[in-house]
Protein backbone atom coordinates (compact mmCIF):
# COMPACT_ATOMS: atom_id res chain seq x y z
CA MET A 1 1.23 12.07 4.73
CA LEU A 2 -0.65 11.76 1.58
CA ASP A 3 -2.86 14.56 0.36
CA GLN A 4 -6.62 13.74 0.11
CA THR A 5 -6.74 13.27 -3.66
CA THR A 6 -3.66 11.05 -3.72
CA LYS A 7 -5.03 8.96 -0.87
CA MET A 8 -8.40 8.45 -2.50
CA ASN A 9 -6.79 7.50 -5.70
CA LEU A 10 -4.69 4.88 -4.01
CA LEU A 11 -7.69 3.49 -2.20
CA TYR A 12 -9.61 3.44 -5.46
CA ASP A 13 -6.75 1.55 -7.27
CA PHE A 14 -7.07 -1.11 -4.61
CA TYR A 15 -10.71 -1.17 -3.77
CA SER A 16 -12.48 0.11 -6.87
CA LEU A 17 -13.80 -3.28 -7.85
CA LEU A 18 -15.55 -3.68 -4.47
CA LEU A 19 -17.61 -0.53 -5.22
CA THR A 20 -20.79 -0.24 -7.28
CA GLU A 21 -20.45 0.78 -10.83
CA LYS A 22 -22.13 4.04 -9.99
CA GLN A 23 -19.62 4.81 -7.13
CA ARG A 24 -16.79 4.07 -9.43
CA ALA A 25 -18.12 6.33 -12.11
CA LEU A 26 -18.68 9.14 -9.68
CA LEU A 27 -15.18 8.76 -8.10
CA GLU A 28 -13.54 8.72 -11.54
CA LEU A 29 -15.27 11.96 -12.56
CA TYR A 30 -14.51 13.63 -9.18
CA TYR A 31 -10.89 12.52 -8.68
CA SER A 32 -9.44 11.42 -12.09
CA GLU A 33 -11.33 13.84 -14.32
CA ASP A 34 -11.34 16.65 -11.81
CA TRP A 35 -15.00 17.51 -12.26
CA SER A 36 -16.77 19.60 -9.77
CA LEU A 37 -19.77 18.50 -7.73
CA GLY A 38 -21.93 20.70 -9.80
CA GLU A 39 -20.66 19.44 -13.03
CA ILE A 40 -21.31 15.93 -11.97
CA ALA A 41 -24.73 16.67 -10.70
CA GLU A 42 -25.64 18.27 -14.01
CA HIS A 43 -24.15 15.40 -15.96
CA GLN A 44 -25.95 12.79 -13.78
CA GLU A 45 -29.24 14.93 -13.50
CA VAL A 46 -29.30 14.80 -9.88
CA SER A 47 -28.60 17.41 -7.06
CA ARG A 48 -25.26 18.60 -6.09
CA GLN A 49 -26.04 17.13 -2.45
CA ALA A 50 -26.81 13.68 -3.98
CA VAL A 51 -23.48 13.70 -5.69
CA TYR A 52 -21.79 14.80 -2.56
CA GLU A 53 -23.45 12.13 -0.37
CA ALA A 54 -22.68 9.37 -2.95
CA ILE A 55 -19.07 10.32 -3.16
CA LYS A 56 -18.90 10.51 0.60
CA ARG A 57 -20.46 7.01 0.93
CA ALA A 58 -17.91 5.65 -1.54
CA GLN A 59 -15.08 7.34 0.15
CA LEU A 60 -16.24 5.86 3.61
CA ARG A 61 -16.65 2.38 1.96
CA MET A 62 -13.01 2.48 0.72
CA LEU A 63 -11.69 3.72 4.07
CA ASP A 64 -13.65 1.01 5.80
CA LEU A 65 -12.13 -1.64 3.54
CA GLU A 66 -8.59 -0.23 4.09
CA GLU A 67 -9.17 -0.40 7.85
CA LYS A 68 -10.14 -4.05 7.56
CA LEU A 69 -7.68 -5.12 4.88
CA GLY A 70 -4.81 -2.75 5.03
CA LEU A 71 -3.73 -3.25 1.46
CA VAL A 72 -2.78 0.36 0.84
CA LYS A 73 -0.71 0.53 4.09
CA GLN A 74 1.06 -2.66 3.12
CA HIS A 75 1.82 -1.27 -0.37
CA LEU A 76 3.26 2.00 1.02
CA LYS A 77 5.33 -0.05 3.55
CA ARG A 78 6.63 -2.22 0.80
CA GLN A 79 7.56 0.90 -1.21
CA GLN A 80 9.57 2.28 1.74
CA ILE A 81 11.41 -0.87 2.16
CA MET A 82 12.32 -1.12 -1.53
CA GLU A 83 13.52 2.39 -1.51
CA LYS A 84 15.79 1.53 1.48
CA ILE A 85 17.12 -1.46 -0.41
CA ARG A 86 17.84 0.70 -3.43
CA GLU A 87 19.70 3.27 -1.35
CA LYS A 88 21.86 0.49 0.25
CA LEU A 89 22.49 -1.09 -3.16
CA ARG A 90 23.56 2.16 -4.73
CA GLN A 91 26.35 2.20 -2.36
CA MET A 92 27.49 -1.16 -3.72
CA PRO A 93 27.54 -0.87 -7.46
CA GLU A 94 28.40 -4.60 -8.11
CA ALA A 95 25.45 -5.72 -5.85
CA TYR A 96 23.13 -3.21 -7.52
CA GLU A 97 24.06 -4.70 -10.93
CA CYS A 98 23.12 -8.11 -9.85
CA ILE A 99 20.05 -7.35 -7.57
CA GLY A 100 18.68 -4.04 -8.91
CA GLU A 101 16.86 -5.57 -11.70
CA LEU A 102 15.16 -8.08 -9.53
CA LEU A 103 14.15 -5.36 -7.23
CA GLU A 104 12.57 -3.41 -9.97
CA GLU A 105 10.68 -6.43 -11.08
CA LEU A 106 9.41 -6.77 -7.61
CA ALA A 107 8.33 -3.21 -7.57
CA GLU A 108 6.37 -3.61 -10.87
CA LEU A 109 4.30 -6.48 -9.31
CA ASP A 110 2.93 -4.07 -6.67
């Protein structure tokens, strides 16, 4: 299972454009820049509680979108399938030579 930060970063990758600009900014500071709630609150000139609630709302929004659309779940499943294909191809070097490059191109699309 994914840890909370990894999960939120994946959700953010897929759903950030569906959040408000303010929600995106807060999530980037909190998860990508690793700022504390207090640091964000001071920077935004709001209370720590306000930052916490805004981040929580953004998280819930992304989780709700994932529940409805399942983009992250599909992405993770595709990654698992591609890894199984890679494992099988490694056992057949000739096939890997022919198909491995295409598989990597497919992985880059995701």
